[in-house]
Amino acid sequence: MTKIVLLLLFLIAAIQVIKPLGWPGLKKRSDAWKLVAGVMGFTFASLVLSALFQGV
């Protein structure tokens, strides 16, 4: 499931670079870093949660 979400978010970031989406906070092409930061945060959170619940 996380791989699908990551792929979707990376595709949205790629689309943002090609043609800005116009969403709030994503008006310019250079705002794609915000999406990439979100992907990195999601990845980090999923890794932390999986590590916490691995021993359970």
Protein backbone atom coordinates (compact mmCIF):
# COMPACT_ATOMS: atom_id res chain seq x y z
CA MET A 1 0.00 0.00 0.00
CA THR A 2 2.75 2.46 0.86
CA LYS A 3 4.47 1.84 -2.48
CA ILE A 4 1.29 2.80 -4.32
CA VAL A 5 0.94 6.02 -2.30
CA LEU A 6 4.60 6.89 -2.86
CA LEU A 7 4.29 6.29 -6.59
CA LEU A 8 1.16 8.44 -6.73
CA LEU A 9 2.81 11.29 -4.84
CA PHE A 10 5.93 11.15 -7.04
CA LEU A 11 3.73 11.26 -10.14
CA ILE A 12 1.90 14.31 -8.77
CA ALA A 13 5.29 15.98 -8.10
CA ALA A 14 6.38 15.22 -11.68
CA ILE A 15 3.16 16.68 -13.04
CA GLN A 16 3.72 19.78 -10.88
CA VAL A 17 7.13 20.30 -12.54
CA ILE A 18 5.65 19.93 -16.04
CA LYS A 19 2.46 21.93 -15.50
CA PRO A 20 1.59 23.53 -12.14
CA LEU A 21 -1.52 22.04 -10.56
CA GLY A 22 -2.87 25.34 -9.26
CA TRP A 23 -3.77 23.87 -5.86
CA PRO A 24 -3.35 26.14 -2.81
CA GLY A 25 0.38 26.37 -2.14
CA LEU A 26 1.26 24.77 -5.50
CA LYS A 27 0.88 27.66 -7.94
CA LYS A 28 4.43 27.61 -9.40
CA ARG A 29 6.62 24.87 -10.87
CA SER A 30 9.22 25.50 -8.20
CA ASP A 31 6.70 24.42 -5.53
CA ALA A 32 7.26 20.75 -6.42
CA TRP A 33 9.72 20.54 -3.52
CA LYS A 34 6.75 20.72 -1.16
CA LEU A 35 5.35 17.53 -2.67
CA VAL A 36 8.73 15.82 -2.50
CA ALA A 37 9.06 16.86 1.15
CA GLY A 38 5.64 15.32 1.77
CA VAL A 39 6.75 12.08 0.13
CA MET A 40 9.88 12.02 2.29
CA GLY A 41 7.82 12.68 5.42
CA PHE A 42 5.35 9.94 4.53
CA THR A 43 8.19 7.50 3.88
CA PHE A 44 9.88 8.35 7.18
CA ALA A 45 6.62 8.01 9.12
CA SER A 46 5.80 4.66 7.53
CA LEU A 47 9.31 3.36 8.29
CA VAL A 48 9.09 4.47 11.92
CA LEU A 49 5.63 2.94 12.37
CA SER A 50 6.65 -0.34 10.76
CA ALA A 51 9.76 -0.51 12.98
CA LEU A 52 7.69 0.18 16.11
CA PHE A 53 5.16 -2.53 15.36
CA GLN A 54 7.61 -5.10 14.01
CA GLY A 55 8.18 -6.65 17.42
CA VAL A 56 4.48 -6.82 18.33
